[in-house]
Amino acid sequence: MSASAFLDLADAAERLGHLTTARSALVDFTTLAVDDVDKQRAEMRVAELSLRLNDAEAATDWARRATSNERPTADMFEVLATAELGLRHTAEARDAVERGLQLDPRHPALLKLRRQLR
């Protein structure tokens, strides 16, 4: 099976509301992905789906993976901060917010999270 088949499965499952199946397909994709950018995108999708599934622990793990790769984005740090907050890790959430704001000082969601964390 090609790695892209897992992306197709994830897309279809997510459209149908089968978030657990979508997340599993993306996890499988990350083990086969050759391209680092594709792998990083899939890691973020796993984190986002984990948040939607109320699994902050998995979301945190996957968001940390994605933000530790090359070229993390402010959006990625937003997901990480949200996941850390879900685990009540306020210091880690603050750190993620600040790291994201270094990349995009005007990121609305990160600015909102910063105000929440004061």
PDB file of N, CA and C in Angstrom:
ATOM      1  N   MET A   1       0.852  -1.175   0.000  1.00  0.00           N
ATOM      2  CA  MET A   1       0.000   0.000   0.000  1.00  0.00           C
ATOM      3  C   MET A   1       0.895   1.236   0.000  1.00  0.00           C
ATOM      4  N   SER A   2       0.549   2.213  -0.802  1.00  0.00           N
ATOM      5  CA  SER A   2       1.346   3.431  -0.869  1.00  0.00           C
ATOM      6  C   SER A   2       0.972   4.362   0.287  1.00  0.00           C
ATOM      7  N   ALA A   3       1.930   5.190   0.670  1.00  0.00           N
ATOM      8  CA  ALA A   3       1.707   6.117   1.783  1.00  0.00           C
ATOM      9  C   ALA A   3       0.537   7.049   1.494  1.00  0.00           C
ATOM     10  N   SER A   4       0.396   7.459   0.245  1.00  0.00           N
ATOM     11  CA  SER A   4      -0.680   8.397  -0.095  1.00  0.00           C
ATOM     12  C   SER A   4      -2.069   7.786   0.115  1.00  0.00           C
ATOM     13  N   ALA A   5      -2.174   6.464   0.080  1.00  0.00           N
ATOM     14  CA  ALA A   5      -3.466   5.815   0.338  1.00  0.00           C
ATOM     15  C   ALA A   5      -3.942   6.121   1.761  1.00  0.00           C
ATOM     16  N   PHE A   6      -3.003   6.246   2.688  1.00  0.00           N
ATOM     17  CA  PHE A   6      -3.382   6.576   4.062  1.00  0.00           C
ATOM     18  C   PHE A   6      -3.918   8.008   4.154  1.00  0.00           C
ATOM     19  N   LEU A   7      -3.359   8.913   3.351  1.00  0.00           N
ATOM     20  CA  LEU A   7      -3.880  10.287   3.318  1.00  0.00           C
ATOM     21  C   LEU A   7      -5.295  10.304   2.755  1.00  0.00           C
ATOM     22  N   ASP A   8      -5.513   9.526   1.693  1.00  0.00           N
ATOM     23  CA  ASP A   8      -6.845   9.455   1.100  1.00  0.00           C
ATOM     24  C   ASP A   8      -7.851   8.890   2.105  1.00  0.00           C
ATOM     25  N   LEU A   9      -7.444   7.846   2.805  1.00  0.00           N
ATOM     26  CA  LEU A   9      -8.317   7.254   3.824  1.00  0.00           C
ATOM     27  C   LEU A   9      -8.609   8.266   4.927  1.00  0.00           C
ATOM     28  N   ALA A  10      -7.599   8.987   5.363  1.00  0.00           N
ATOM     29  CA  ALA A  10      -7.790   9.988   6.418  1.00  0.00           C
ATOM     30  C   ALA A  10      -8.766  11.070   5.963  1.00  0.00           C
ATOM     31  N   ASP A  11      -8.607  11.548   4.741  1.00  0.00           N
ATOM     32  CA  ASP A  11      -9.504  12.584   4.222  1.00  0.00           C
ATOM     33  C   ASP A  11     -10.946  12.087   4.173  1.00  0.00           C
ATOM     34  N   ALA A  12     -11.130  10.884   3.629  1.00  0.00           N
ATOM     35  CA  ALA A  12     -12.482  10.329   3.520  1.00  0.00           C
ATOM     36  C   ALA A  12     -13.092  10.085   4.901  1.00  0.00           C
ATOM     37  N   ALA A  13     -12.319   9.516   5.788  1.00  0.00           N
ATOM     38  CA  ALA A  13     -12.831   9.235   7.139  1.00  0.00           C
ATOM     39  C   ALA A  13     -13.204  10.519   7.866  1.00  0.00           C
ATOM     40  N   GLU A  14     -12.388  11.542   7.718  1.00  0.00           N
ATOM     41  CA  GLU A  14     -12.683  12.814   8.388  1.00  0.00           C
ATOM     42  C   GLU A  14     -13.962  13.434   7.821  1.00  0.00           C
ATOM     43  N   ARG A  15     -14.115  13.388   6.506  1.00  0.00           N
ATOM     44  CA  ARG A  15     -15.340  13.924   5.889  1.00  0.00           C
ATOM     45  C   ARG A  15     -16.586  13.209   6.407  1.00  0.00           C
ATOM     46  N   LEU A  16     -16.438  11.925   6.689  1.00  0.00           N
ATOM     47  CA  LEU A  16     -17.576  11.140   7.186  1.00  0.00           C
ATOM     48  C   LEU A  16     -17.740  11.231   8.703  1.00  0.00           C
ATOM     49  N   GLY A  17     -16.836  11.965   9.348  1.00  0.00           N
ATOM     50  CA  GLY A  17     -16.938  12.127  10.795  1.00  0.00           C
ATOM     51  C   GLY A  17     -16.316  10.999  11.595  1.00  0.00           C
ATOM     52  N   HIS A  18     -15.546  10.156  10.938  1.00  0.00           N
ATOM     53  CA  HIS A  18     -14.869   9.047  11.609  1.00  0.00           C
ATOM     54  C   HIS A  18     -13.470   9.508  12.015  1.00  0.00           C
ATOM     55  N   LEU A  19     -13.419  10.319  13.059  1.00  0.00           N
ATOM     56  CA  LEU A  19     -12.174  10.974  13.436  1.00  0.00           C
ATOM     57  C   LEU A  19     -11.110  10.000  13.924  1.00  0.00           C
ATOM     58  N   THR A  20     -11.505   8.957  14.619  1.00  0.00           N
ATOM     59  CA  THR A  20     -10.539   7.973  15.106  1.00  0.00           C
ATOM     60  C   THR A  20      -9.867   7.253  13.936  1.00  0.00           C
ATOM     61  N   THR A  21     -10.661   6.892  12.943  1.00  0.00           N
ATOM     62  CA  THR A  21     -10.112   6.230  11.755  1.00  0.00           C
ATOM     63  C   THR A  21      -9.190   7.177  11.003  1.00  0.00           C
ATOM     64  N   ALA A  22      -9.601   8.428  10.878  1.00  0.00           N
ATOM     65  CA  ALA A  22      -8.768   9.423  10.195  1.00  0.00           C
ATOM     66  C   ALA A  22      -7.435   9.582  10.920  1.00  0.00           C
ATOM     67  N   ARG A  23      -7.506   9.668  12.233  1.00  0.00           N
ATOM     68  CA  ARG A  23      -6.271   9.834  13.005  1.00  0.00           C
ATOM     69  C   ARG A  23      -5.371   8.613  12.838  1.00  0.00           C
ATOM     70  N   SER A  24      -5.923   7.438  12.906  1.00  0.00           N
ATOM     71  CA  SER A  24      -5.123   6.210  12.746  1.00  0.00           C
ATOM     72  C   SER A  24      -4.451   6.150  11.377  1.00  0.00           C
ATOM     73  N   ALA A  25      -5.180   6.549  10.349  1.00  0.00           N
ATOM     74  CA  ALA A  25      -4.602   6.541   8.998  1.00  0.00           C
ATOM     75  C   ALA A  25      -3.437   7.525   8.908  1.00  0.00           C
ATOM     76  N   LEU A  26      -3.576   8.679   9.545  1.00  0.00           N
ATOM     77  CA  LEU A  26      -2.492   9.662   9.522  1.00  0.00           C
ATOM     78  C   LEU A  26      -1.283   9.187  10.317  1.00  0.00           C
ATOM     79  N   VAL A  27      -1.525   8.511  11.423  1.00  0.00           N
ATOM     80  CA  VAL A  27      -0.415   7.949  12.198  1.00  0.00           C
ATOM     81  C   VAL A  27       0.335   6.939  11.327  1.00  0.00           C
ATOM     82  N   ASP A  28      -0.404   6.088  10.626  1.00  0.00           N
ATOM     83  CA  ASP A  28       0.227   5.125   9.725  1.00  0.00           C
ATOM     84  C   ASP A  28       1.017   5.842   8.627  1.00  0.00           C
ATOM     85  N   PHE A  29       0.437   6.919   8.098  1.00  0.00           N
ATOM     86  CA  PHE A  29       1.132   7.681   7.061  1.00  0.00           C
ATOM     87  C   PHE A  29       2.472   8.202   7.574  1.00  0.00           C
ATOM     88  N   THR A  30       2.509   8.693   8.810  1.00  0.00           N
ATOM     89  CA  THR A  30       3.764   9.264   9.323  1.00  0.00           C
ATOM     90  C   THR A  30       4.876   8.236   9.406  1.00  0.00           C
ATOM     91  N   THR A  31       4.524   6.968   9.544  1.00  0.00           N
ATOM     92  CA  THR A  31       5.562   5.943   9.602  1.00  0.00           C
ATOM     93  C   THR A  31       6.135   5.634   8.218  1.00  0.00           C
ATOM     94  N   LEU A  32       5.377   5.982   7.175  1.00  0.00           N
ATOM     95  CA  LEU A  32       5.804   5.682   5.806  1.00  0.00           C
ATOM     96  C   LEU A  32       6.272   6.904   5.033  1.00  0.00           C
ATOM     97  N   ALA A  33       5.934   8.086   5.506  1.00  0.00           N
ATOM     98  CA  ALA A  33       6.232   9.312   4.767  1.00  0.00           C
ATOM     99  C   ALA A  33       7.727   9.493   4.574  1.00  0.00           C
ATOM    100  N   VAL A  34       8.091   9.852   3.372  1.00  0.00           N
ATOM    101  CA  VAL A  34       9.488  10.100   3.035  1.00  0.00           C
ATOM    102  C   VAL A  34       9.776  11.594   3.133  1.00  0.00           C
ATOM    103  N   ASP A  35       8.832  12.396   2.689  1.00  0.00           N
ATOM    104  CA  ASP A  35       8.990  13.846   2.672  1.00  0.00           C
ATOM    105  C   ASP A  35       8.729  14.421   4.069  1.00  0.00           C
ATOM    106  N   ASP A  36       9.698  15.181   4.593  1.00  0.00           N
ATOM    107  CA  ASP A  36       9.569  15.734   5.940  1.00  0.00           C
ATOM    108  C   ASP A  36       8.413  16.721   6.073  1.00  0.00           C
ATOM    109  N   VAL A  37       8.155  17.490   5.029  1.00  0.00           N
ATOM    110  CA  VAL A  37       7.065  18.468   5.077  1.00  0.00           C
ATOM    111  C   VAL A  37       5.721  17.753   5.155  1.00  0.00           C
ATOM    112  N   ASP A  38       5.556  16.703   4.338  1.00  0.00           N
ATOM    113  CA  ASP A  38       4.315  15.923   4.390  1.00  0.00           C
ATOM    114  C   ASP A  38       4.136  15.273   5.756  1.00  0.00           C
ATOM    115  N   LYS A  39       5.231  14.758   6.287  1.00  0.00           N
ATOM    116  CA  LYS A  39       5.173  14.117   7.605  1.00  0.00           C
ATOM    117  C   LYS A  39       4.775  15.138   8.674  1.00  0.00           C
ATOM    118  N   GLN A  40       5.358  16.330   8.617  1.00  0.00           N
ATOM    119  CA  GLN A  40       5.047  17.374   9.593  1.00  0.00           C
ATOM    120  C   GLN A  40       3.568  17.779   9.494  1.00  0.00           C
ATOM    121  N   ARG A  41       3.061  17.924   8.280  1.00  0.00           N
ATOM    122  CA  ARG A  41       1.630  18.249   8.100  1.00  0.00           C
ATOM    123  C   ARG A  41       0.747  17.157   8.699  1.00  0.00           C
ATOM    124  N   ALA A  42       1.113  15.907   8.462  1.00  0.00           N
ATOM    125  CA  ALA A  42       0.325  14.798   9.004  1.00  0.00           C
ATOM    126  C   ALA A  42       0.383  14.790  10.528  1.00  0.00           C
ATOM    127  N   GLU A  43       1.536  15.070  11.101  1.00  0.00           N
ATOM    128  CA  GLU A  43       1.659  15.142  12.555  1.00  0.00           C
ATOM    129  C   GLU A  43       0.729  16.210  13.123  1.00  0.00           C
ATOM    130  N   MET A  44       0.642  17.346  12.439  1.00  0.00           N
ATOM    131  CA  MET A  44      -0.254  18.406  12.905  1.00  0.00           C
ATOM    132  C   MET A  44      -1.706  17.985  12.792  1.00  0.00           C
ATOM    133  N   ARG A  45      -2.041  17.306  11.719  1.00  0.00           N
ATOM    134  CA  ARG A  45      -3.429  16.837  11.574  1.00  0.00           C
ATOM    135  C   ARG A  45      -3.769  15.835  12.665  1.00  0.00           C
ATOM    136  N   VAL A  46      -2.812  14.981  13.023  1.00  0.00           N
ATOM    137  CA  VAL A  46      -3.048  14.040  14.119  1.00  0.00           C
ATOM    138  C   VAL A  46      -3.299  14.815  15.411  1.00  0.00           C
ATOM    139  N   ALA A  47      -2.496  15.844  15.649  1.00  0.00           N
ATOM    140  CA  ALA A  47      -2.673  16.665  16.849  1.00  0.00           C
ATOM    141  C   ALA A  47      -4.045  17.331  16.854  1.00  0.00           C
ATOM    142  N   GLU A  48      -4.428  17.909  15.727  1.00  0.00           N
ATOM    143  CA  GLU A  48      -5.723  18.584  15.639  1.00  0.00           C
ATOM    144  C   GLU A  48      -6.884  17.609  15.825  1.00  0.00           C
ATOM    145  N   LEU A  49      -6.787  16.447  15.194  1.00  0.00           N
ATOM    146  CA  LEU A  49      -7.842  15.437  15.365  1.00  0.00           C
ATOM    147  C   LEU A  49      -7.898  14.956  16.811  1.00  0.00           C
ATOM    148  N   SER A  50      -6.740  14.831  17.434  1.00  0.00           N
ATOM    149  CA  SER A  50      -6.704  14.407  18.837  1.00  0.00           C
ATOM    150  C   SER A  50      -7.411  15.423  19.721  1.00  0.00           C
ATOM    151  N   LEU A  51      -7.213  16.705  19.440  1.00  0.00           N
ATOM    152  CA  LEU A  51      -7.939  17.739  20.190  1.00  0.00           C
ATOM    153  C   LEU A  51      -9.441  17.593  19.991  1.00  0.00           C
ATOM    154  N   ARG A  52      -9.846  17.362  18.757  1.00  0.00           N
ATOM    155  CA  ARG A  52     -11.280  17.189  18.466  1.00  0.00           C
ATOM    156  C   ARG A  52     -11.842  15.957  19.159  1.00  0.00           C
ATOM    157  N   LEU A  53     -10.985  14.970  19.406  1.00  0.00           N
ATOM    158  CA  LEU A  53     -11.397  13.748  20.096  1.00  0.00           C
ATOM    159  C   LEU A  53     -11.224  13.861  21.620  1.00  0.00           C
ATOM    160  N   ASN A  54     -10.909  15.065  22.082  1.00  0.00           N
ATOM    161  CA  ASN A  54     -10.686  15.322  23.513  1.00  0.00           C
ATOM    162  C   ASN A  54      -9.568  14.469  24.091  1.00  0.00           C
ATOM    163  N   ASP A  55      -8.536  14.263  23.307  1.00  0.00           N
ATOM    164  CA  ASP A  55      -7.367  13.503  23.733  1.00  0.00           C
ATOM    165  C   ASP A  55      -6.176  14.460  23.770  1.00  0.00           C
ATOM    166  N   ALA A  56      -6.143  15.280  24.820  1.00  0.00           N
ATOM    167  CA  ALA A  56      -5.108  16.315  24.932  1.00  0.00           C
ATOM    168  C   ALA A  56      -3.711  15.720  25.034  1.00  0.00           C
ATOM    169  N   GLU A  57      -3.597  14.559  25.651  1.00  0.00           N
ATOM    170  CA  GLU A  57      -2.277  13.937  25.785  1.00  0.00           C
ATOM    171  C   GLU A  57      -1.696  13.580  24.419  1.00  0.00           C
ATOM    172  N   ALA A  58      -2.495  12.926  23.587  1.00  0.00           N
ATOM    173  CA  ALA A  58      -2.025  12.589  22.237  1.00  0.00           C
ATOM    174  C   ALA A  58      -1.791  13.857  21.424  1.00  0.00           C
ATOM    175  N   ALA A  59      -2.679  14.833  21.567  1.00  0.00           N
ATOM    176  CA  ALA A  59      -2.519  16.088  20.835  1.00  0.00           C
ATOM    177  C   ALA A  59      -1.198  16.754  21.192  1.00  0.00           C
ATOM    178  N   THR A  60      -0.864  16.757  22.464  1.00  0.00           N
ATOM    179  CA  THR A  60       0.392  17.356  22.912  1.00  0.00           C
ATOM    180  C   THR A  60       1.582  16.613  22.313  1.00  0.00           C
ATOM    181  N   ASP A  61       1.563  15.305  22.389  1.00  0.00           N
ATOM    182  CA  ASP A  61       2.672  14.514  21.845  1.00  0.00           C
ATOM    183  C   ASP A  61       2.885  14.796  20.354  1.00  0.00           C
ATOM    184  N   TRP A  62       1.802  14.795  19.582  1.00  0.00           N
ATOM    185  CA  TRP A  62       1.921  14.981  18.142  1.00  0.00           C
ATOM    186  C   TRP A  62       2.264  16.422  17.786  1.00  0.00           C
ATOM    187  N   ALA A  63       1.727  17.378  18.523  1.00  0.00           N
ATOM    188  CA  ALA A  63       2.070  18.782  18.254  1.00  0.00           C
ATOM    189  C   ALA A  63       3.534  19.045  18.592  1.00  0.00           C
ATOM    190  N   ARG A  64       4.032  18.416  19.645  1.00  0.00           N
ATOM    191  CA  ARG A  64       5.460  18.566  19.973  1.00  0.00           C
ATOM    192  C   ARG A  64       6.333  18.017  18.855  1.00  0.00           C
ATOM    193  N   ARG A  65       5.934  16.883  18.294  1.00  0.00           N
ATOM    194  CA  ARG A  65       6.699  16.322  17.175  1.00  0.00           C
ATOM    195  C   ARG A  65       6.731  17.299  16.008  1.00  0.00           C
ATOM    196  N   ALA A  66       5.568  17.823  15.679  1.00  0.00           N
ATOM    197  CA  ALA A  66       5.478  18.713  14.519  1.00  0.00           C
ATOM    198  C   ALA A  66       6.261  20.006  14.730  1.00  0.00           C
ATOM    199  N   THR A  67       6.226  20.548  15.940  1.00  0.00           N
ATOM    200  CA  THR A  67       6.922  21.811  16.179  1.00  0.00           C
ATOM    201  C   THR A  67       8.422  21.618  16.345  1.00  0.00           C
ATOM    202  N   SER A  68       8.858  20.382  16.549  1.00  0.00           N
ATOM    203  CA  SER A  68      10.297  20.136  16.676  1.00  0.00           C
ATOM    204  C   SER A  68      10.952  19.908  15.318  1.00  0.00           C
ATOM    205  N   ASN A  69      10.160  19.774  14.275  1.00  0.00           N
ATOM    206  CA  ASN A  69      10.684  19.599  12.924  1.00  0.00           C
ATOM    207  C   ASN A  69      11.061  20.953  12.330  1.00  0.00           C
ATOM    208  N   GLU A  70      11.580  20.912  11.142  1.00  0.00           N
ATOM    209  CA  GLU A  70      11.951  22.152  10.457  1.00  0.00           C
ATOM    210  C   GLU A  70      10.720  22.997  10.163  1.00  0.00           C
ATOM    211  N   ARG A  71      10.909  24.279  10.260  1.00  0.00           N
ATOM    212  CA  ARG A  71       9.916  25.273   9.880  1.00  0.00           C
ATOM    213  C   ARG A  71       8.559  25.115  10.561  1.00  0.00           C
ATOM    214  N   PRO A  72       8.527  25.117  11.881  1.00  0.00           N
ATOM    215  CA  PRO A  72       7.210  25.110  12.536  1.00  0.00           C
ATOM    216  C   PRO A  72       6.514  26.449  12.269  1.00  0.00           C
ATOM    217  N   THR A  73       5.212  26.444  12.355  1.00  0.00           N
ATOM    218  CA  THR A  73       4.437  27.664  12.111  1.00  0.00           C
ATOM    219  C   THR A  73       3.761  28.116  13.403  1.00  0.00           C
ATOM    220  N   ALA A  74       3.293  29.349  13.384  1.00  0.00           N
ATOM    221  CA  ALA A  74       2.554  29.877  14.532  1.00  0.00           C
ATOM    222  C   ALA A  74       1.302  29.043  14.786  1.00  0.00           C
ATOM    223  N   ASP A  75       0.650  28.591  13.722  1.00  0.00           N
ATOM    224  CA  ASP A  75      -0.539  27.748  13.887  1.00  0.00           C
ATOM    225  C   ASP A  75      -0.209  26.457  14.629  1.00  0.00           C
ATOM    226  N   MET A  76       0.949  25.900  14.341  1.00  0.00           N
ATOM    227  CA  MET A  76       1.362  24.681  15.030  1.00  0.00           C
ATOM    228  C   MET A  76       1.543  24.935  16.521  1.00  0.00           C
ATOM    229  N   PHE A  77       2.131  26.083  16.843  1.00  0.00           N
ATOM    230  CA  PHE A  77       2.312  26.409  18.259  1.00  0.00           C
ATOM    231  C   PHE A  77       0.980  26.713  18.936  1.00  0.00           C
ATOM    232  N   GLU A  78       0.016  27.203  18.177  1.00  0.00           N
ATOM    233  CA  GLU A  78      -1.328  27.400  18.732  1.00  0.00           C
ATOM    234  C   GLU A  78      -1.933  26.056  19.146  1.00  0.00           C
ATOM    235  N   VAL A  79      -1.800  25.068  18.277  1.00  0.00           N
ATOM    236  CA  VAL A  79      -2.313  23.728  18.592  1.00  0.00           C
ATOM    237  C   VAL A  79      -1.585  23.164  19.808  1.00  0.00           C
ATOM    238  N   LEU A  80      -0.275  23.323  19.844  1.00  0.00           N
ATOM    239  CA  LEU A  80       0.500  22.829  20.979  1.00  0.00           C
ATOM    240  C   LEU A  80       0.063  23.518  22.271  1.00  0.00           C
ATOM    241  N   ALA A  81      -0.089  24.827  22.241  1.00  0.00           N
ATOM    242  CA  ALA A  81      -0.501  25.563  23.442  1.00  0.00           C
ATOM    243  C   ALA A  81      -1.888  25.117  23.903  1.00  0.00           C
ATOM    244  N   THR A  82      -2.799  24.931  22.970  1.00  0.00           N
ATOM    245  CA  THR A  82      -4.152  24.484  23.309  1.00  0.00           C
ATOM    246  C   THR A  82      -4.126  23.095  23.936  1.00  0.00           C
ATOM    247  N   ALA A  83      -3.308  22.218  23.378  1.00  0.00           N
ATOM    248  CA  ALA A  83      -3.181  20.867  23.932  1.00  0.00           C
ATOM    249  C   ALA A  83      -2.569  20.900  25.328  1.00  0.00           C
ATOM    250  N   GLU A  84      -1.531  21.707  25.496  1.00  0.00           N
ATOM    251  CA  GLU A  84      -0.895  21.828  26.817  1.00  0.00           C
ATOM    252  C   GLU A  84      -1.897  22.363  27.840  1.00  0.00           C
ATOM    253  N   LEU A  85      -2.716  23.316  27.435  1.00  0.00           N
ATOM    254  CA  LEU A  85      -3.745  23.825  28.346  1.00  0.00           C
ATOM    255  C   LEU A  85      -4.727  22.736  28.731  1.00  0.00           C
ATOM    256  N   GLY A  86      -5.049  21.874  27.773  1.00  0.00           N
ATOM    257  CA  GLY A  86      -5.951  20.750  28.048  1.00  0.00           C
ATOM    258  C   GLY A  86      -5.407  19.817  29.108  1.00  0.00           C
ATOM    259  N   LEU A  87      -4.091  19.783  29.240  1.00  0.00           N
ATOM    260  CA  LEU A  87      -3.441  18.955  30.266  1.00  0.00           C
ATOM    261  C   LEU A  87      -3.122  19.775  31.521  1.00  0.00           C
ATOM    262  N   ARG A  88      -3.517  21.049  31.507  1.00  0.00           N
ATOM    263  CA  ARG A  88      -3.245  21.982  32.607  1.00  0.00           C
ATOM    264  C   ARG A  88      -1.751  22.228  32.809  1.00  0.00           C
ATOM    265  N   HIS A  89      -1.024  22.194  31.720  1.00  0.00           N
ATOM    266  CA  HIS A  89       0.408  22.508  31.723  1.00  0.00           C
ATOM    267  C   HIS A  89       0.554  23.975  31.322  1.00  0.00           C
ATOM    268  N   THR A  90       0.300  24.876  32.255  1.00  0.00           N
ATOM    269  CA  THR A  90       0.265  26.294  31.901  1.00  0.00           C
ATOM    270  C   THR A  90       1.638  26.838  31.512  1.00  0.00           C
ATOM    271  N   ALA A  91       2.687  26.405  32.170  1.00  0.00           N
ATOM    272  CA  ALA A  91       4.023  26.898  31.808  1.00  0.00           C
ATOM    273  C   ALA A  91       4.377  26.479  30.385  1.00  0.00           C
ATOM    274  N   GLU A  92       4.083  25.244  30.027  1.00  0.00           N
ATOM    275  CA  GLU A  92       4.370  24.757  28.684  1.00  0.00           C
ATOM    276  C   GLU A  92       3.493  25.464  27.648  1.00  0.00           C
ATOM    277  N   ALA A  93       2.238  25.734  28.017  1.00  0.00           N
ATOM    278  CA  ALA A  93       1.342  26.460  27.117  1.00  0.00           C
ATOM    279  C   ALA A  93       1.870  27.870  26.875  1.00  0.00           C
ATOM    280  N   ARG A  94       2.312  28.531  27.935  1.00  0.00           N
ATOM    281  CA  ARG A  94       2.884  29.885  27.782  1.00  0.00           C
ATOM    282  C   ARG A  94       4.103  29.854  26.852  1.00  0.00           C
ATOM    283  N   ASP A  95       4.949  28.861  27.037  1.00  0.00           N
ATOM    284  CA  ASP A  95       6.134  28.731  26.196  1.00  0.00           C
ATOM    285  C   ASP A  95       5.738  28.551  24.729  1.00  0.00           C
ATOM    286  N   ALA A  96       4.755  27.702  24.478  1.00  0.00           N
ATOM    287  CA  ALA A  96       4.308  27.480  23.098  1.00  0.00           C
ATOM    288  C   ALA A  96       3.735  28.761  22.506  1.00  0.00           C
ATOM    289  N   VAL A  97       2.974  29.506  23.297  1.00  0.00           N
ATOM    290  CA  VAL A  97       2.414  30.773  22.826  1.00  0.00           C
ATOM    291  C   VAL A  97       3.539  31.732  22.451  1.00  0.00           C
ATOM    292  N   GLU A  98       4.515  31.863  23.324  1.00  0.00           N
ATOM    293  CA  GLU A  98       5.616  32.802  23.054  1.00  0.00           C
ATOM    294  C   GLU A  98       6.436  32.379  21.837  1.00  0.00           C
ATOM    295  N   ARG A  99       6.662  31.086  21.686  1.00  0.00           N
ATOM    296  CA  ARG A  99       7.406  30.609  20.515  1.00  0.00           C
ATOM    297  C   ARG A  99       6.627  30.885  19.231  1.00  0.00           C
ATOM    298  N   GLY A 100       5.316  30.693  19.292  1.00  0.00           N
ATOM    299  CA  GLY A 100       4.480  30.986  18.130  1.00  0.00           C
ATOM    300  C   GLY A 100       4.448  32.467  17.800  1.00  0.00           C
ATOM    301  N   LEU A 101       4.382  33.303  18.837  1.00  0.00           N
ATOM    302  CA  LEU A 101       4.349  34.749  18.615  1.00  0.00           C
ATOM    303  C   LEU A 101       5.681  35.279  18.087  1.00  0.00           C
ATOM    304  N   GLN A 102       6.754  34.567  18.329  1.00  0.00           N
ATOM    305  CA  GLN A 102       8.034  34.950  17.719  1.00  0.00           C
ATOM    306  C   GLN A 102       7.956  34.808  16.198  1.00  0.00           C
ATOM    307  N   LEU A 103       7.179  33.825  15.746  1.00  0.00           N
ATOM    308  CA  LEU A 103       7.028  33.593  14.308  1.00  0.00           C
ATOM    309  C   LEU A 103       6.000  34.540  13.688  1.00  0.00           C
ATOM    310  N   ASP A 104       4.942  34.843  14.448  1.00  0.00           N
ATOM    311  CA  ASP A 104       3.871  35.720  13.961  1.00  0.00           C
ATOM    312  C   ASP A 104       3.342  36.529  15.134  1.00  0.00           C
ATOM    313  N   PRO A 105       3.917  37.709  15.358  1.00  0.00           N
ATOM    314  CA  PRO A 105       3.548  38.519  16.521  1.00  0.00           C
ATOM    315  C   PRO A 105       2.092  38.980  16.541  1.00  0.00           C
ATOM    316  N   ARG A 106       1.393  38.877  15.428  1.00  0.00           N
ATOM    317  CA  ARG A 106      -0.006  39.326  15.354  1.00  0.00           C
ATOM    318  C   ARG A 106      -0.996  38.169  15.249  1.00  0.00           C
ATOM    319  N   HIS A 107      -0.565  36.968  15.526  1.00  0.00           N
ATOM    320  CA  HIS A 107      -1.431  35.789  15.403  1.00  0.00           C
ATOM    321  C   HIS A 107      -2.588  35.925  16.396  1.00  0.00           C
ATOM    322  N   PRO A 108      -3.822  36.097  15.902  1.00  0.00           N
ATOM    323  CA  PRO A 108      -4.949  36.392  16.787  1.00  0.00           C
ATOM    324  C   PRO A 108      -5.203  35.329  17.864  1.00  0.00           C
ATOM    325  N   ALA A 109      -5.170  34.065  17.490  1.00  0.00           N
ATOM    326  CA  ALA A 109      -5.460  33.009  18.465  1.00  0.00           C
ATOM    327  C   ALA A 109      -4.368  32.933  19.531  1.00  0.00           C
ATOM    328  N   LEU A 110      -3.117  33.122  19.123  1.00  0.00           N
ATOM    329  CA  LEU A 110      -2.032  33.101  20.106  1.00  0.00           C
ATOM    330  C   LEU A 110      -2.110  34.305  21.035  1.00  0.00           C
ATOM    331  N   LEU A 111      -2.477  35.456  20.514  1.00  0.00           N
ATOM    332  CA  LEU A 111      -2.641  36.631  21.369  1.00  0.00           C
ATOM    333  C   LEU A 111      -3.770  36.420  22.372  1.00  0.00           C
ATOM    334  N   LYS A 112      -4.837  35.778  21.919  1.00  0.00           N
ATOM    335  CA  LYS A 112      -5.952  35.467  22.821  1.00  0.00           C
ATOM    336  C   LYS A 112      -5.507  34.484  23.906  1.00  0.00           C
ATOM    337  N   LEU A 113      -4.757  33.470  23.518  1.00  0.00           N
ATOM    338  CA  LEU A 113      -4.244  32.505  24.499  1.00  0.00           C
ATOM    339  C   LEU A 113      -3.304  33.185  25.489  1.00  0.00           C
ATOM    340  N   ARG A 114      -2.491  34.117  25.003  1.00  0.00           N
ATOM    341  CA  ARG A 114      -1.582  34.839  25.886  1.00  0.00           C
ATOM    342  C   ARG A 114      -2.381  35.589  26.961  1.00  0.00           C
ATOM    343  N   ARG A 115      -3.458  36.248  26.550  1.00  0.00           N
ATOM    344  CA  ARG A 115      -4.301  36.965  27.526  1.00  0.00           C
ATOM    345  C   ARG A 115      -4.927  36.001  28.519  1.00  0.00           C
ATOM    346  N   GLN A 116      -5.360  34.859  28.062  1.00  0.00           N
ATOM    347  CA  GLN A 116      -5.952  33.832  28.931  1.00  0.00           C
ATOM    348  C   GLN A 116      -4.952  33.345  29.974  1.00  0.00           C
ATOM    349  N   LEU A 117      -3.704  33.243  29.584  1.00  0.00           N
ATOM    350  CA  LEU A 117      -2.689  32.657  30.450  1.00  0.00           C
ATOM    351  C   LEU A 117      -2.083  33.644  31.440  1.00  0.00           C
ATOM    352  N   ARG A 118      -2.485  34.871  31.403  1.00  0.00           N
ATOM    353  CA  ARG A 118      -1.945  35.858  32.356  1.00  0.00           C
ATOM    354  C   ARG A 118      -2.537  35.692  33.707  1.00  0.00           C
TER     355      ARG A 118
END
